Structures are given as structure tokens and as C-alpha cells.
Amino acid sequence: MKETKLKSILTEILNTFQVTAILKIDRKAAITNVLDEIRAIKKITIVRNITPEEGISSPGEIQTHIVTIKFITRGDAQKDLIQFKSDMLTSDFGGSVNDMKVEGLKFIEFKSKTLRRI
């Protein structure tokens, strides 16, 4: 039993990745709520905002934030990024573009060059 638990822990450690992403969110949305909803997505473990709370200055109704996302995978990390983007920007109910799964999130871009195993 202990050996199985140890193997599980080691597998998790060896399959943990980190990537930097750019988020564009509705200015009316609280960044903390957006980050909490991203954390709720399967496989994602940690989301950290590395920009100030008010975001990077951008015109109009959109705020830009840079975040780091840590996640666990047993497969292809690049494919997981594609799935994460789909999960974040698509409603479970097949609603319109304005009915996104992560409320307030308008756009996400993963910086693939920053993807690394940690």
C-alpha cells in the first residue's frame, strides 16, 4: 500500500508543468474570481497572477493580466493547453460566446515557449 502511494506521489511530481498565459478579462470582473474559476478546471492546480491587481493598462472594457498556471498531466502537455483553452472559453451548456465557462474571461493565450516541466 505504501509503495503504491509513493509511486502515485512521484508520478504527480514528475508530471507537473508550468506555463505563462495572457488573460484578457472584462473590466467588471474581479481577477480573483476569474483565477478561482480557472483553478476549478480539471488538472489545474495553481494559478498565480503576476501582474498588479488592476492589470496591465488597456483601453476600453478589457483588463490584461499575466498569470502562471501549474497543472498535472499524464499525457501531452501541449494538448492539455488546447483543452484548457476550450474548457475556459466554452460554456458547458452550449451557450453563446457571451456565456463563457469562466465568467469574465474574454481571451487566453498560452505562451508555449514558457511551458516547462517543474
PDB file of N, CA and C in Angstrom:
ATOM      1  N   MET A   1       0.825  -1.200   0.000  1.00  0.00           N
ATOM      2  CA  MET A   1       0.000   0.000   0.000  1.00  0.00           C
ATOM      3  C   MET A   1       0.871   1.266   0.000  1.00  0.00           C
ATOM      4  N   LYS A   2       1.894   1.299   0.865  1.00  0.00           N
ATOM      5  CA  LYS A   2       2.770   2.473   0.931  1.00  0.00           C
ATOM      6  C   LYS A   2       3.514   2.674  -0.382  1.00  0.00           C
ATOM      7  N   GLU A   3       3.905   1.567  -1.007  1.00  0.00           N
ATOM      8  CA  GLU A   3       4.625   1.644  -2.275  1.00  0.00           C
ATOM      9  C   GLU A   3       3.740   2.265  -3.359  1.00  0.00           C
ATOM     10  N   THR A   4       2.467   1.894  -3.389  1.00  0.00           N
ATOM     11  CA  THR A   4       1.523   2.440  -4.357  1.00  0.00           C
ATOM     12  C   THR A   4       1.334   3.934  -4.134  1.00  0.00           C
ATOM     13  N   LYS A   5       1.219   4.355  -2.886  1.00  0.00           N
ATOM     14  CA  LYS A   5       1.045   5.772  -2.570  1.00  0.00           C
ATOM     15  C   LYS A   5       2.287   6.564  -2.978  1.00  0.00           C
ATOM     16  N   LEU A   6       3.471   6.020  -2.683  1.00  0.00           N
ATOM     17  CA  LEU A   6       4.719   6.678  -3.053  1.00  0.00           C
ATOM     18  C   LEU A   6       4.822   6.803  -4.573  1.00  0.00           C
ATOM     19  N   LYS A   7       4.478   5.759  -5.286  1.00  0.00           N
ATOM     20  CA  LYS A   7       4.516   5.781  -6.745  1.00  0.00           C
ATOM     21  C   LYS A   7       3.571   6.852  -7.287  1.00  0.00           C
ATOM     22  N   SER A   8       2.401   6.964  -6.685  1.00  0.00           N
ATOM     23  CA  SER A   8       1.418   7.971  -7.097  1.00  0.00           C
ATOM     24  C   SER A   8       1.965   9.383  -6.887  1.00  0.00           C
ATOM     25  N   ILE A   9       2.597   9.607  -5.753  1.00  0.00           N
ATOM     26  CA  ILE A   9       3.169  10.928  -5.445  1.00  0.00           C
ATOM     27  C   ILE A   9       4.294  11.253  -6.426  1.00  0.00           C
ATOM     28  N   LEU A  10       5.169  10.297  -6.681  1.00  0.00           N
ATOM     29  CA  LEU A  10       6.276  10.525  -7.614  1.00  0.00           C
ATOM     30  C   LEU A  10       5.784  10.803  -9.030  1.00  0.00           C
ATOM     31  N   THR A  11       4.764  10.071  -9.454  1.00  0.00           N
ATOM     32  CA  THR A  11       4.193  10.293 -10.781  1.00  0.00           C
ATOM     33  C   THR A  11       3.644  11.709 -10.888  1.00  0.00           C
ATOM     34  N   GLU A  12       2.962  12.162  -9.847  1.00  0.00           N
ATOM     35  CA  GLU A  12       2.403  13.511  -9.848  1.00  0.00           C
ATOM     36  C   GLU A  12       3.510  14.548  -9.932  1.00  0.00           C
ATOM     37  N   ILE A  13       4.577  14.356  -9.172  1.00  0.00           N
ATOM     38  CA  ILE A  13       5.688  15.306  -9.178  1.00  0.00           C
ATOM     39  C   ILE A  13       6.350  15.345 -10.553  1.00  0.00           C
ATOM     40  N   LEU A  14       6.543  14.216 -11.155  1.00  0.00           N
ATOM     41  CA  LEU A  14       7.236  14.147 -12.437  1.00  0.00           C
ATOM     42  C   LEU A  14       6.387  14.647 -13.601  1.00  0.00           C
ATOM     43  N   ASN A  15       5.098  14.766 -13.406  1.00  0.00           N
ATOM     44  CA  ASN A  15       4.210  15.190 -14.484  1.00  0.00           C
ATOM     45  C   ASN A  15       3.563  16.548 -14.215  1.00  0.00           C
ATOM     46  N   THR A  16       4.249  17.390 -13.457  1.00  0.00           N
ATOM     47  CA  THR A  16       3.760  18.732 -13.171  1.00  0.00           C
ATOM     48  C   THR A  16       4.431  19.716 -14.118  1.00  0.00           C
ATOM     49  N   PHE A  17       3.614  20.548 -14.748  1.00  0.00           N
ATOM     50  CA  PHE A  17       4.107  21.526 -15.712  1.00  0.00           C
ATOM     51  C   PHE A  17       3.673  22.924 -15.304  1.00  0.00           C
ATOM     52  N   GLN A  18       4.372  23.913 -15.837  1.00  0.00           N
ATOM     53  CA  GLN A  18       4.014  25.317 -15.624  1.00  0.00           C
ATOM     54  C   GLN A  18       4.063  26.037 -16.962  1.00  0.00           C
ATOM     55  N   VAL A  19       3.138  26.978 -17.139  1.00  0.00           N
ATOM     56  CA  VAL A  19       3.096  27.779 -18.355  1.00  0.00           C
ATOM     57  C   VAL A  19       2.643  29.199 -17.992  1.00  0.00           C
ATOM     58  N   THR A  20       3.105  30.156 -18.755  1.00  0.00           N
ATOM     59  CA  THR A  20       2.658  31.541 -18.597  1.00  0.00           C
ATOM     60  C   THR A  20       1.541  31.791 -19.603  1.00  0.00           C
ATOM     61  N   ALA A  21       0.541  32.561 -19.171  1.00  0.00           N
ATOM     62  CA  ALA A  21      -0.584  32.872 -20.058  1.00  0.00           C
ATOM     63  C   ALA A  21      -0.962  34.342 -19.932  1.00  0.00           C
ATOM     64  N   ILE A  22      -1.521  34.862 -21.008  1.00  0.00           N
ATOM     65  CA  ILE A  22      -2.068  36.219 -21.013  1.00  0.00           C
ATOM     66  C   ILE A  22      -3.585  36.092 -21.000  1.00  0.00           C
ATOM     67  N   LEU A  23      -4.205  36.733 -20.020  1.00  0.00           N
ATOM     68  CA  LEU A  23      -5.665  36.737 -19.905  1.00  0.00           C
ATOM     69  C   LEU A  23      -6.187  38.123 -20.229  1.00  0.00           C
ATOM     70  N   LYS A  24      -7.276  38.165 -20.937  1.00  0.00           N
ATOM     71  CA  LYS A  24      -7.998  39.422 -21.131  1.00  0.00           C
ATOM     72  C   LYS A  24      -9.367  39.183 -20.506  1.00  0.00           C
ATOM     73  N   ILE A  25      -9.671  40.017 -19.513  1.00  0.00           N
ATOM     74  CA  ILE A  25     -10.927  39.842 -18.796  1.00  0.00           C
ATOM     75  C   ILE A  25     -11.754  41.122 -18.836  1.00  0.00           C
ATOM     76  N   ASP A  26     -13.037  40.950 -18.648  1.00  0.00           N
ATOM     77  CA  ASP A  26     -13.970  42.067 -18.564  1.00  0.00           C
ATOM     78  C   ASP A  26     -13.562  42.925 -17.366  1.00  0.00           C
ATOM     79  N   ARG A  27     -13.499  44.218 -17.576  1.00  0.00           N
ATOM     80  CA  ARG A  27     -13.091  45.140 -16.510  1.00  0.00           C
ATOM     81  C   ARG A  27     -14.019  45.041 -15.289  1.00  0.00           C
ATOM     82  N   LYS A  28     -15.253  44.621 -15.499  1.00  0.00           N
ATOM     83  CA  LYS A  28     -16.217  44.489 -14.398  1.00  0.00           C
ATOM     84  C   LYS A  28     -15.982  43.222 -13.577  1.00  0.00           C
ATOM     85  N   ALA A  29     -15.240  42.269 -14.118  1.00  0.00           N
ATOM     86  CA  ALA A  29     -14.980  41.000 -13.427  1.00  0.00           C
ATOM     87  C   ALA A  29     -13.804  41.170 -12.460  1.00  0.00           C
ATOM     88  N   ALA A  30     -13.908  40.520 -11.318  1.00  0.00           N
ATOM     89  CA  ALA A  30     -12.800  40.539 -10.350  1.00  0.00           C
ATOM     90  C   ALA A  30     -11.789  39.467 -10.753  1.00  0.00           C
ATOM     91  N   ILE A  31     -10.517  39.851 -10.835  1.00  0.00           N
ATOM     92  CA  ILE A  31      -9.481  38.902 -11.244  1.00  0.00           C
ATOM     93  C   ILE A  31      -9.435  37.707 -10.296  1.00  0.00           C
ATOM     94  N   THR A  32      -9.672  37.922  -9.013  1.00  0.00           N
ATOM     95  CA  THR A  32      -9.641  36.799  -8.065  1.00  0.00           C
ATOM     96  C   THR A  32     -10.715  35.767  -8.398  1.00  0.00           C
ATOM     97  N   ASN A  33     -11.887  36.210  -8.823  1.00  0.00           N
ATOM     98  CA  ASN A  33     -12.953  35.274  -9.210  1.00  0.00           C
ATOM     99  C   ASN A  33     -12.584  34.508 -10.474  1.00  0.00           C
ATOM    100  N   VAL A  34     -11.993  35.202 -11.431  1.00  0.00           N
ATOM    101  CA  VAL A  34     -11.568  34.547 -12.675  1.00  0.00           C
ATOM    102  C   VAL A  34     -10.517  33.482 -12.375  1.00  0.00           C
ATOM    103  N   LEU A  35      -9.535  33.820 -11.539  1.00  0.00           N
ATOM    104  CA  LEU A  35      -8.481  32.864 -11.198  1.00  0.00           C
ATOM    105  C   LEU A  35      -9.047  31.665 -10.442  1.00  0.00           C
ATOM    106  N   ASP A  36     -10.002  31.906  -9.554  1.00  0.00           N
ATOM    107  CA  ASP A  36     -10.638  30.800  -8.823  1.00  0.00           C
ATOM    108  C   ASP A  36     -11.355  29.848  -9.775  1.00  0.00           C
ATOM    109  N   GLU A  37     -12.036  30.400 -10.769  1.00  0.00           N
ATOM    110  CA  GLU A  37     -12.747  29.555 -11.730  1.00  0.00           C
ATOM    111  C   GLU A  37     -11.770  28.768 -12.613  1.00  0.00           C
ATOM    112  N   ILE A  38     -10.636  29.365 -12.942  1.00  0.00           N
ATOM    113  CA  ILE A  38      -9.620  28.644 -13.709  1.00  0.00           C
ATOM    114  C   ILE A  38      -9.056  27.497 -12.873  1.00  0.00           C
ATOM    115  N   ARG A  39      -8.821  27.760 -11.581  1.00  0.00           N
ATOM    116  CA  ARG A  39      -8.308  26.712 -10.681  1.00  0.00           C
ATOM    117  C   ARG A  39      -9.258  25.519 -10.600  1.00  0.00           C
ATOM    118  N   ALA A  40     -10.530  25.734 -10.833  1.00  0.00           N
ATOM    119  CA  ALA A  40     -11.523  24.658 -10.735  1.00  0.00           C
ATOM    120  C   ALA A  40     -11.484  23.704 -11.931  1.00  0.00           C
ATOM    121  N   ILE A  41     -10.750  24.059 -12.970  1.00  0.00           N
ATOM    122  CA  ILE A  41     -10.675  23.207 -14.162  1.00  0.00           C
ATOM    123  C   ILE A  41      -9.797  21.988 -13.868  1.00  0.00           C
ATOM    124  N   LYS A  42     -10.269  20.855 -14.323  1.00  0.00           N
ATOM    125  CA  LYS A  42      -9.577  19.580 -14.094  1.00  0.00           C
ATOM    126  C   LYS A  42      -8.115  19.662 -14.526  1.00  0.00           C
ATOM    127  N   LYS A  43      -7.229  19.165 -13.697  1.00  0.00           N
ATOM    128  CA  LYS A  43      -5.775  19.079 -13.874  1.00  0.00           C
ATOM    129  C   LYS A  43      -5.036  20.340 -13.443  1.00  0.00           C
ATOM    130  N   ILE A  44      -5.701  21.497 -13.392  1.00  0.00           N
ATOM    131  CA  ILE A  44      -5.026  22.733 -12.998  1.00  0.00           C
ATOM    132  C   ILE A  44      -4.938  22.770 -11.479  1.00  0.00           C
ATOM    133  N   THR A  45      -3.727  23.042 -10.972  1.00  0.00           N
ATOM    134  CA  THR A  45      -3.525  23.032  -9.524  1.00  0.00           C
ATOM    135  C   THR A  45      -3.289  24.421  -8.945  1.00  0.00           C
ATOM    136  N   ILE A  46      -2.535  25.258  -9.639  1.00  0.00           N
ATOM    137  CA  ILE A  46      -2.194  26.586  -9.117  1.00  0.00           C
ATOM    138  C   ILE A  46      -2.280  27.610 -10.237  1.00  0.00           C
ATOM    139  N   VAL A  47      -2.888  28.759  -9.934  1.00  0.00           N
ATOM    140  CA  VAL A  47      -2.924  29.886 -10.870  1.00  0.00           C
ATOM    141  C   VAL A  47      -2.470  31.109 -10.085  1.00  0.00           C
ATOM    142  N   ARG A  48      -1.436  31.784 -10.594  1.00  0.00           N
ATOM    143  CA  ARG A  48      -0.888  32.928  -9.876  1.00  0.00           C
ATOM    144  C   ARG A  48      -0.824  34.138 -10.801  1.00  0.00           C
ATOM    145  N   ASN A  49      -1.415  35.236 -10.346  1.00  0.00           N
ATOM    146  CA  ASN A  49      -1.389  36.487 -11.094  1.00  0.00           C
ATOM    147  C   ASN A  49      -0.034  37.145 -10.861  1.00  0.00           C
ATOM    148  N   ILE A  50       0.688  37.445 -11.926  1.00  0.00           N
ATOM    149  CA  ILE A  50       1.995  38.087 -11.761  1.00  0.00           C
ATOM    150  C   ILE A  50       1.973  39.554 -12.197  1.00  0.00           C
ATOM    151  N   THR A  51       0.773  40.072 -12.449  1.00  0.00           N
ATOM    152  CA  THR A  51       0.612  41.499 -12.736  1.00  0.00           C
ATOM    153  C   THR A  51      -0.095  42.137 -11.541  1.00  0.00           C
ATOM    154  N   PRO A  52      -0.063  43.449 -11.442  1.00  0.00           N
ATOM    155  CA  PRO A  52      -0.801  44.105 -10.359  1.00  0.00           C
ATOM    156  C   PRO A  52      -2.296  43.766 -10.435  1.00  0.00           C
ATOM    157  N   GLU A  53      -2.979  43.870  -9.319  1.00  0.00           N
ATOM    158  CA  GLU A  53      -4.411  43.538  -9.213  1.00  0.00           C
ATOM    159  C   GLU A  53      -5.242  44.222 -10.297  1.00  0.00           C
ATOM    160  N   GLU A  54      -4.909  45.481 -10.627  1.00  0.00           N
ATOM    161  CA  GLU A  54      -5.686  46.224 -11.623  1.00  0.00           C
ATOM    162  C   GLU A  54      -5.327  45.846 -13.058  1.00  0.00           C
ATOM    163  N   GLY A  55      -4.317  45.027 -13.238  1.00  0.00           N
ATOM    164  CA  GLY A  55      -3.955  44.556 -14.574  1.00  0.00           C
ATOM    165  C   GLY A  55      -3.084  45.542 -15.322  1.00  0.00           C
ATOM    166  N   ILE A  56      -2.741  45.154 -16.533  1.00  0.00           N
ATOM    167  CA  ILE A  56      -1.956  46.000 -17.419  1.00  0.00           C
ATOM    168  C   ILE A  56      -2.926  46.951 -18.105  1.00  0.00           C
ATOM    169  N   SER A  57      -2.547  48.200 -18.178  1.00  0.00           N
ATOM    170  CA  SER A  57      -3.426  49.211 -18.757  1.00  0.00           C
ATOM    171  C   SER A  57      -3.782  48.876 -20.201  1.00  0.00           C
ATOM    172  N   SER A  58      -5.064  48.836 -20.464  1.00  0.00           N
ATOM    173  CA  SER A  58      -5.541  48.626 -21.827  1.00  0.00           C
ATOM    174  C   SER A  58      -6.829  49.413 -22.003  1.00  0.00           C
ATOM    175  N   PRO A  59      -7.074  49.890 -23.210  1.00  0.00           N
ATOM    176  CA  PRO A  59      -8.249  50.734 -23.443  1.00  0.00           C
ATOM    177  C   PRO A  59      -9.552  49.940 -23.373  1.00  0.00           C
ATOM    178  N   GLY A  60     -10.634  50.655 -23.072  1.00  0.00           N
ATOM    179  CA  GLY A  60     -11.953  50.037 -23.121  1.00  0.00           C
ATOM    180  C   GLY A  60     -12.312  49.224 -21.907  1.00  0.00           C
ATOM    181  N   GLU A  61     -13.113  48.201 -22.161  1.00  0.00           N
ATOM    182  CA  GLU A  61     -13.701  47.400 -21.092  1.00  0.00           C
ATOM    183  C   GLU A  61     -12.891  46.157 -20.740  1.00  0.00           C
ATOM    184  N   ILE A  62     -11.667  46.068 -21.240  1.00  0.00           N
ATOM    185  CA  ILE A  62     -10.862  44.855 -21.059  1.00  0.00           C
ATOM    186  C   ILE A  62      -9.628  45.148 -20.213  1.00  0.00           C
ATOM    187  N   GLN A  63      -9.318  44.251 -19.263  1.00  0.00           N
ATOM    188  CA  GLN A  63      -8.082  44.295 -18.491  1.00  0.00           C
ATOM    189  C   GLN A  63      -7.198  43.148 -18.963  1.00  0.00           C
ATOM    190  N   THR A  64      -5.890  43.369 -18.990  1.00  0.00           N
ATOM    191  CA  THR A  64      -4.952  42.321 -19.367  1.00  0.00           C
ATOM    192  C   THR A  64      -4.157  41.902 -18.136  1.00  0.00           C
ATOM    193  N   HIS A  65      -4.038  40.593 -17.927  1.00  0.00           N
ATOM    194  CA  HIS A  65      -3.280  40.049 -16.805  1.00  0.00           C
ATOM    195  C   HIS A  65      -2.342  38.961 -17.318  1.00  0.00           C
ATOM    196  N   ILE A  66      -1.186  38.870 -16.708  1.00  0.00           N
ATOM    197  CA  ILE A  66      -0.257  37.780 -16.997  1.00  0.00           C
ATOM    198  C   ILE A  66      -0.274  36.858 -15.785  1.00  0.00           C
ATOM    199  N   VAL A  67      -0.455  35.570 -16.040  1.00  0.00           N
ATOM    200  CA  VAL A  67      -0.549  34.588 -14.967  1.00  0.00           C
ATOM    201  C   VAL A  67       0.369  33.403 -15.249  1.00  0.00           C
ATOM    202  N   THR A  68       0.720  32.685 -14.194  1.00  0.00           N
ATOM    203  CA  THR A  68       1.375  31.401 -14.361  1.00  0.00           C
ATOM    204  C   THR A  68       0.382  30.335 -13.915  1.00  0.00           C
ATOM    205  N   ILE A  69       0.350  29.259 -14.660  1.00  0.00           N
ATOM    206  CA  ILE A  69      -0.567  28.158 -14.383  1.00  0.00           C
ATOM    207  C   ILE A  69       0.254  26.889 -14.237  1.00  0.00           C
ATOM    208  N   LYS A  70       0.032  26.192 -13.112  1.00  0.00           N
ATOM    209  CA  LYS A  70       0.661  24.890 -12.908  1.00  0.00           C
ATOM    210  C   LYS A  70      -0.415  23.827 -13.061  1.00  0.00           C
ATOM    211  N   PHE A  71      -0.045  22.729 -13.706  1.00  0.00           N
ATOM    212  CA  PHE A  71      -1.009  21.660 -13.923  1.00  0.00           C
ATOM    213  C   PHE A  71      -0.318  20.314 -13.968  1.00  0.00           C
ATOM    214  N   ILE A  72      -1.112  19.284 -13.766  1.00  0.00           N
ATOM    215  CA  ILE A  72      -0.612  17.909 -13.778  1.00  0.00           C
ATOM    216  C   ILE A  72      -1.193  17.214 -14.995  1.00  0.00           C
ATOM    217  N   THR A  73      -0.333  16.441 -15.667  1.00  0.00           N
ATOM    218  CA  THR A  73      -0.804  15.696 -16.817  1.00  0.00           C
ATOM    219  C   THR A  73      -0.143  14.330 -16.872  1.00  0.00           C
ATOM    220  N   ARG A  74      -0.845  13.400 -17.445  1.00  0.00           N
ATOM    221  CA  ARG A  74      -0.264  12.087 -17.708  1.00  0.00           C
ATOM    222  C   ARG A  74      -0.076  11.900 -19.217  1.00  0.00           C
ATOM    223  N   GLY A  75      -0.432  12.936 -19.969  1.00  0.00           N
ATOM    224  CA  GLY A  75      -0.348  12.860 -21.422  1.00  0.00           C
ATOM    225  C   GLY A  75       0.525  13.963 -21.976  1.00  0.00           C
ATOM    226  N   ASP A  76       0.126  14.484 -23.110  1.00  0.00           N
ATOM    227  CA  ASP A  76       0.850  15.535 -23.827  1.00  0.00           C
ATOM    228  C   ASP A  76       0.445  16.898 -23.256  1.00  0.00           C
ATOM    229  N   ALA A  77       1.401  17.603 -22.688  1.00  0.00           N
ATOM    230  CA  ALA A  77       1.120  18.900 -22.060  1.00  0.00           C
ATOM    231  C   ALA A  77       0.585  19.913 -23.071  1.00  0.00           C
ATOM    232  N   GLN A  78       1.079  19.897 -24.301  1.00  0.00           N
ATOM    233  CA  GLN A  78       0.594  20.824 -25.337  1.00  0.00           C
ATOM    234  C   GLN A  78      -0.887  20.589 -25.619  1.00  0.00           C
ATOM    235  N   LYS A  79      -1.293  19.322 -25.692  1.00  0.00           N
ATOM    236  CA  LYS A  79      -2.697  19.005 -25.934  1.00  0.00           C
ATOM    237  C   LYS A  79      -3.564  19.458 -24.765  1.00  0.00           C
ATOM    238  N   ASP A  80      -3.010  19.367 -23.549  1.00  0.00           N
ATOM    239  CA  ASP A  80      -3.755  19.841 -22.385  1.00  0.00           C
ATOM    240  C   ASP A  80      -4.007  21.341 -22.465  1.00  0.00           C
ATOM    241  N   LEU A  81      -3.044  22.103 -22.969  1.00  0.00           N
ATOM    242  CA  LEU A  81      -3.240  23.554 -23.106  1.00  0.00           C
ATOM    243  C   LEU A  81      -4.409  23.858 -24.043  1.00  0.00           C
ATOM    244  N   ILE A  82      -4.501  23.107 -25.128  1.00  0.00           N
ATOM    245  CA  ILE A  82      -5.617  23.287 -26.067  1.00  0.00           C
ATOM    246  C   ILE A  82      -6.938  22.977 -25.372  1.00  0.00           C
ATOM    247  N   GLN A  83      -6.948  21.903 -24.587  1.00  0.00           N
ATOM    248  CA  GLN A  83      -8.168  21.527 -23.863  1.00  0.00           C
ATOM    249  C   GLN A  83      -8.520  22.563 -22.797  1.00  0.00           C
ATOM    250  N   PHE A  84      -7.508  23.085 -22.088  1.00  0.00           N
ATOM    251  CA  PHE A  84      -7.762  24.106 -21.074  1.00  0.00           C
ATOM    252  C   PHE A  84      -8.424  25.328 -21.699  1.00  0.00           C
ATOM    253  N   LYS A  85      -7.895  25.759 -22.839  1.00  0.00           N
ATOM    254  CA  LYS A  85      -8.453  26.937 -23.513  1.00  0.00           C
ATOM    255  C   LYS A  85      -9.909  26.687 -23.879  1.00  0.00           C
ATOM    256  N   SER A  86     -10.178  25.525 -24.422  1.00  0.00           N
ATOM    257  CA  SER A  86     -11.554  25.160 -24.770  1.00  0.00           C
ATOM    258  C   SER A  86     -12.437  25.138 -23.531  1.00  0.00           C
ATOM    259  N   ASP A  87     -11.938  24.525 -22.459  1.00  0.00           N
ATOM    260  CA  ASP A  87     -12.714  24.447 -21.212  1.00  0.00           C
ATOM    261  C   ASP A  87     -13.003  25.825 -20.634  1.00  0.00           C
ATOM    262  N   MET A  88     -12.044  26.734 -20.736  1.00  0.00           N
ATOM    263  CA  MET A  88     -12.212  28.064 -20.152  1.00  0.00           C
ATOM    264  C   MET A  88     -13.160  28.942 -20.962  1.00  0.00           C
ATOM    265  N   LEU A  89     -13.154  28.774 -22.272  1.00  0.00           N
ATOM    266  CA  LEU A  89     -13.896  29.694 -23.130  1.00  0.00           C
ATOM    267  C   LEU A  89     -15.208  29.136 -23.661  1.00  0.00           C
ATOM    268  N   THR A  90     -15.564  27.916 -23.285  1.00  0.00           N
ATOM    269  CA  THR A  90     -16.782  27.298 -23.796  1.00  0.00           C
ATOM    270  C   THR A  90     -17.700  26.917 -22.649  1.00  0.00           C
ATOM    271  N   SER A  91     -18.933  27.345 -22.737  1.00  0.00           N
ATOM    272  CA  SER A  91     -19.913  27.007 -21.715  1.00  0.00           C
ATOM    273  C   SER A  91     -20.261  25.526 -21.781  1.00  0.00           C
ATOM    274  N   ASP A  92     -20.532  24.936 -20.635  1.00  0.00           N
ATOM    275  CA  ASP A  92     -20.991  23.543 -20.578  1.00  0.00           C
ATOM    276  C   ASP A  92     -22.372  23.390 -21.202  1.00  0.00           C
ATOM    277  N   PHE A  93     -23.087  24.496 -21.322  1.00  0.00           N
ATOM    278  CA  PHE A  93     -24.470  24.454 -21.794  1.00  0.00           C
ATOM    279  C   PHE A  93     -24.608  24.819 -23.260  1.00  0.00           C
ATOM    280  N   GLY A  94     -23.479  24.972 -23.961  1.00  0.00           N
ATOM    281  CA  GLY A  94     -23.523  25.271 -25.387  1.00  0.00           C
ATOM    282  C   GLY A  94     -24.096  26.641 -25.689  1.00  0.00           C
ATOM    283  N   GLY A  95     -23.895  27.565 -24.776  1.00  0.00           N
ATOM    284  CA  GLY A  95     -24.438  28.905 -24.944  1.00  0.00           C
ATOM    285  C   GLY A  95     -23.661  29.730 -25.944  1.00  0.00           C
ATOM    286  N   SER A  96     -23.923  30.999 -25.955  1.00  0.00           N
ATOM    287  CA  SER A  96     -23.271  31.912 -26.891  1.00  0.00           C
ATOM    288  C   SER A  96     -21.862  32.245 -26.415  1.00  0.00           C
ATOM    289  N   VAL A  97     -21.153  33.006 -27.214  1.00  0.00           N
ATOM    290  CA  VAL A  97     -19.805  33.444 -26.870  1.00  0.00           C
ATOM    291  C   VAL A  97     -19.817  34.246 -25.578  1.00  0.00           C
ATOM    292  N   ASN A  98     -20.911  34.939 -25.299  1.00  0.00           N
ATOM    293  CA  ASN A  98     -21.008  35.745 -24.091  1.00  0.00           C
ATOM    294  C   ASN A  98     -21.297  34.908 -22.849  1.00  0.00           C
ATOM    295  N   ASP A  99     -21.558  33.618 -23.021  1.00  0.00           N
ATOM    296  CA  ASP A  99     -21.872  32.726 -21.912  1.00  0.00           C
ATOM    297  C   ASP A  99     -20.695  31.768 -21.694  1.00  0.00           C
ATOM    298  N   MET A 100     -19.581  32.321 -21.240  1.00  0.00           N
ATOM    299  CA  MET A 100     -18.356  31.534 -21.114  1.00  0.00           C
ATOM    300  C   MET A 100     -18.315  30.771 -19.806  1.00  0.00           C
ATOM    301  N   LYS A 101     -17.563  29.690 -19.803  1.00  0.00           N
ATOM    302  CA  LYS A 101     -17.448  28.864 -18.607  1.00  0.00           C
ATOM    303  C   LYS A 101     -16.769  29.639 -17.478  1.00  0.00           C
ATOM    304  N   VAL A 102     -15.683  30.339 -17.787  1.00  0.00           N
ATOM    305  CA  VAL A 102     -15.018  31.182 -16.799  1.00  0.00           C
ATOM    306  C   VAL A 102     -15.567  32.589 -17.001  1.00  0.00           C
ATOM    307  N   GLU A 103     -16.469  32.960 -16.127  1.00  0.00           N
ATOM    308  CA  GLU A 103     -17.175  34.233 -16.271  1.00  0.00           C
ATOM    309  C   GLU A 103     -16.197  35.407 -16.232  1.00  0.00           C
ATOM    310  N   GLY A 104     -16.306  36.270 -17.223  1.00  0.00           N
ATOM    311  CA  GLY A 104     -15.455  37.449 -17.314  1.00  0.00           C
ATOM    312  C   GLY A 104     -14.223  37.251 -18.182  1.00  0.00           C
ATOM    313  N   LEU A 105     -13.849  36.011 -18.454  1.00  0.00           N
ATOM    314  CA  LEU A 105     -12.679  35.748 -19.291  1.00  0.00           C
ATOM    315  C   LEU A 105     -13.070  35.893 -20.759  1.00  0.00           C
ATOM    316  N   LYS A 106     -12.393  36.791 -21.455  1.00  0.00           N
ATOM    317  CA  LYS A 106     -12.700  37.047 -22.862  1.00  0.00           C
ATOM    318  C   LYS A 106     -11.701  36.397 -23.815  1.00  0.00           C
ATOM    319  N   PHE A 107     -10.469  36.189 -23.333  1.00  0.00           N
ATOM    320  CA  PHE A 107      -9.404  35.687 -24.204  1.00  0.00           C
ATOM    321  C   PHE A 107      -8.306  35.108 -23.335  1.00  0.00           C
ATOM    322  N   ILE A 108      -7.680  34.034 -23.796  1.00  0.00           N
ATOM    323  CA  ILE A 108      -6.494  33.490 -23.134  1.00  0.00           C
ATOM    324  C   ILE A 108      -5.510  33.041 -24.201  1.00  0.00           C
ATOM    325  N   GLU A 109      -4.244  33.366 -23.970  1.00  0.00           N
ATOM    326  CA  GLU A 109      -3.178  32.918 -24.859  1.00  0.00           C
ATOM    327  C   GLU A 109      -2.079  32.306 -24.007  1.00  0.00           C
ATOM    328  N   PHE A 110      -1.797  31.033 -24.238  1.00  0.00           N
ATOM    329  CA  PHE A 110      -0.706  30.366 -23.547  1.00  0.00           C
ATOM    330  C   PHE A 110       0.581  30.656 -24.304  1.00  0.00           C
ATOM    331  N   LYS A 111       1.610  31.024 -23.579  1.00  0.00           N
ATOM    332  CA  LYS A 111       2.926  31.262 -24.168  1.00  0.00           C
ATOM    333  C   LYS A 111       3.649  29.906 -24.207  1.00  0.00           C
ATOM    334  N   SER A 112       3.526  29.203 -25.318  1.00  0.00           N
ATOM    335  CA  SER A 112       4.041  27.843 -25.447  1.00  0.00           C
ATOM    336  C   SER A 112       5.526  27.727 -25.139  1.00  0.00           C
ATOM    337  N   LYS A 113       6.276  28.777 -25.430  1.00  0.00           N
ATOM    338  CA  LYS A 113       7.723  28.731 -25.163  1.00  0.00           C
ATOM    339  C   LYS A 113       8.037  28.708 -23.664  1.00  0.00           C
ATOM    340  N   THR A 114       7.057  29.071 -22.830  1.00  0.00           N
ATOM    341  CA  THR A 114       7.282  29.070 -21.387  1.00  0.00           C
ATOM    342  C   THR A 114       6.873  27.750 -20.740  1.00  0.00           C
ATOM    343  N   LEU A 115       6.289  26.850 -21.525  1.00  0.00           N
ATOM    344  CA  LEU A 115       5.861  25.551 -20.983  1.00  0.00           C
ATOM    345  C   LEU A 115       7.078  24.756 -20.553  1.00  0.00           C
ATOM    346  N   ARG A 116       7.054  24.322 -19.296  1.00  0.00           N
ATOM    347  CA  ARG A 116       8.179  23.531 -18.805  1.00  0.00           C
ATOM    348  C   ARG A 116       7.725  22.591 -17.702  1.00  0.00           C
ATOM    349  N   ARG A 117       8.431  21.488 -17.601  1.00  0.00           N
ATOM    350  CA  ARG A 117       8.193  20.525 -16.523  1.00  0.00           C
ATOM    351  C   ARG A 117       8.855  21.100 -15.275  1.00  0.00           C
ATOM    352  N   ILE A 118       8.146  21.017 -14.154  1.00  0.00           N
ATOM    353  CA  ILE A 118       8.750  21.533 -12.905  1.00  0.00           C
ATOM    354  C   ILE A 118       8.894  20.416 -11.887  1.00  0.00           C
TER     355      ILE A 118
END
